[in-house]
Amino acid sequence: MRGIGAGVRIFDLLERKPLIDPEVGVPIDSARRGPIRFENVMFQYPSRKEVTVLKDLNLEINPGESVALV
């Protein structure tokens, strides 16, 4: 029975519509160049405010680099 419940939750997540339309956005000026910098980033999930996931994260991503946080 737990497997059925987990499956239902997965399908619920797959059917969710994003709050921000992924097809709409602002074009980025191709003349803009340079790094992207995050400084002292902190993150907690709204449902688990007692758990800090990121604390004082500093990250610089240079042009041409690809970065993934997992």
C-alpha atoms as a PDB file:
ATOM      1  CA  MET A   1       0.000   0.000   0.000  1.00  0.00           C
ATOM      2  CA  ARG A   2       2.848   2.400   0.685  1.00  0.00           C
ATOM      3  CA  GLY A   3       4.068   1.926  -2.883  1.00  0.00           C
ATOM      4  CA  ILE A   4       0.701   2.980  -4.267  1.00  0.00           C
ATOM      5  CA  GLY A   5       0.721   6.112  -2.119  1.00  0.00           C
ATOM      6  CA  ALA A   6       4.255   6.975  -3.249  1.00  0.00           C
ATOM      7  CA  GLY A   7       3.254   6.457  -6.877  1.00  0.00           C
ATOM      8  CA  VAL A   8       0.263   8.767  -6.486  1.00  0.00           C
ATOM      9  CA  ARG A   9       2.494  11.491  -5.010  1.00  0.00           C
ATOM     10  CA  ILE A  10       4.981  11.149  -7.882  1.00  0.00           C
ATOM     11  CA  PHE A  11       2.240  11.519 -10.484  1.00  0.00           C
ATOM     12  CA  ASP A  12       0.844  14.511  -8.573  1.00  0.00           C
ATOM     13  CA  LEU A  13       4.265  16.159  -8.801  1.00  0.00           C
ATOM     14  CA  LEU A  14       4.565  15.404 -12.518  1.00  0.00           C
ATOM     15  CA  GLU A  15       1.175  16.997 -13.194  1.00  0.00           C
ATOM     16  CA  ARG A  16       1.897  20.226 -11.283  1.00  0.00           C
ATOM     17  CA  LYS A  17       1.971  23.415 -13.305  1.00  0.00           C
ATOM     18  CA  PRO A  18       4.785  25.864 -12.491  1.00  0.00           C
ATOM     19  CA  LEU A  19       3.828  29.235 -11.000  1.00  0.00           C
ATOM     20  CA  ILE A  20       6.148  30.909 -13.507  1.00  0.00           C
ATOM     21  CA  ASP A  21       5.393  30.121 -17.143  1.00  0.00           C
ATOM     22  CA  PRO A  22       8.569  28.537 -18.590  1.00  0.00           C
ATOM     23  CA  GLU A  23       7.670  29.815 -22.067  1.00  0.00           C
ATOM     24  CA  VAL A  24       7.662  33.479 -21.008  1.00  0.00           C
ATOM     25  CA  GLY A  25      10.731  35.409 -20.034  1.00  0.00           C
ATOM     26  CA  VAL A  26      12.962  38.335 -20.698  1.00  0.00           C
ATOM     27  CA  PRO A  27      15.481  38.053 -23.526  1.00  0.00           C
ATOM     28  CA  ILE A  28      19.070  38.366 -22.342  1.00  0.00           C
ATOM     29  CA  ASP A  29      21.166  40.961 -24.070  1.00  0.00           C
ATOM     30  CA  SER A  30      23.922  39.055 -25.902  1.00  0.00           C
ATOM     31  CA  ALA A  31      26.347  41.882 -25.116  1.00  0.00           C
ATOM     32  CA  ARG A  32      26.209  41.028 -21.399  1.00  0.00           C
ATOM     33  CA  ARG A  33      29.275  39.098 -20.383  1.00  0.00           C
ATOM     34  CA  GLY A  34      30.871  38.265 -17.085  1.00  0.00           C
ATOM     35  CA  PRO A  35      30.533  35.963 -14.120  1.00  0.00           C
ATOM     36  CA  ILE A  36      27.416  35.181 -12.123  1.00  0.00           C
ATOM     37  CA  ARG A  37      28.101  35.576  -8.428  1.00  0.00           C
ATOM     38  CA  PHE A  38      26.159  34.347  -5.397  1.00  0.00           C
ATOM     39  CA  GLU A  39      27.278  35.701  -2.037  1.00  0.00           C
ATOM     40  CA  ASN A  40      26.269  34.464   1.424  1.00  0.00           C
ATOM     41  CA  VAL A  41      23.243  32.536   0.136  1.00  0.00           C
ATOM     42  CA  MET A  42      21.088  30.783   2.718  1.00  0.00           C
ATOM     43  CA  PHE A  43      18.215  28.408   1.949  1.00  0.00           C
ATOM     44  CA  GLN A  44      15.628  26.520   3.994  1.00  0.00           C
ATOM     45  CA  TYR A  45      12.637  24.615   2.653  1.00  0.00           C
ATOM     46  CA  PRO A  46       9.405  26.346   3.729  1.00  0.00           C
ATOM     47  CA  SER A  47       8.092  23.076   5.162  1.00  0.00           C
ATOM     48  CA  ARG A  48      11.274  22.414   7.220  1.00  0.00           C
ATOM     49  CA  LYS A  49      12.443  25.787   8.487  1.00  0.00           C
ATOM     50  CA  GLU A  50      14.469  24.135  11.249  1.00  0.00           C
ATOM     51  CA  VAL A  51      16.820  22.558   8.661  1.00  0.00           C
ATOM     52  CA  THR A  52      19.248  24.879   6.894  1.00  0.00           C
ATOM     53  CA  VAL A  53      20.150  23.390   3.513  1.00  0.00           C
ATOM     54  CA  LEU A  54      22.554  26.123   2.378  1.00  0.00           C
ATOM     55  CA  LYS A  55      24.376  28.499   4.701  1.00  0.00           C
ATOM     56  CA  ASP A  56      26.781  31.238   3.603  1.00  0.00           C
ATOM     57  CA  LEU A  57      27.179  29.755   0.113  1.00  0.00           C
ATOM     58  CA  ASN A  58      29.554  31.770  -2.058  1.00  0.00           C
ATOM     59  CA  LEU A  59      29.767  30.736  -5.687  1.00  0.00           C
ATOM     60  CA  GLU A  60      31.107  32.341  -8.839  1.00  0.00           C
ATOM     61  CA  ILE A  61      30.291  30.897 -12.255  1.00  0.00           C
ATOM     62  CA  ASN A  62      32.432  32.207 -15.081  1.00  0.00           C
ATOM     63  CA  PRO A  63      31.280  32.532 -18.695  1.00  0.00           C
ATOM     64  CA  GLY A  64      31.304  29.164 -20.442  1.00  0.00           C
ATOM     65  CA  GLU A  65      31.127  27.148 -17.214  1.00  0.00           C
ATOM     66  CA  SER A  66      28.278  24.823 -16.332  1.00  0.00           C
ATOM     67  CA  VAL A  67      27.459  24.171 -12.692  1.00  0.00           C
ATOM     68  CA  ALA A  68      24.929  21.898 -11.007  1.00  0.00           C
ATOM     69  CA  LEU A  69      24.018  21.796  -7.338  1.00  0.00           C
ATOM     70  CA  VAL A  70      22.807  18.400  -6.257  1.00  0.00           C
END
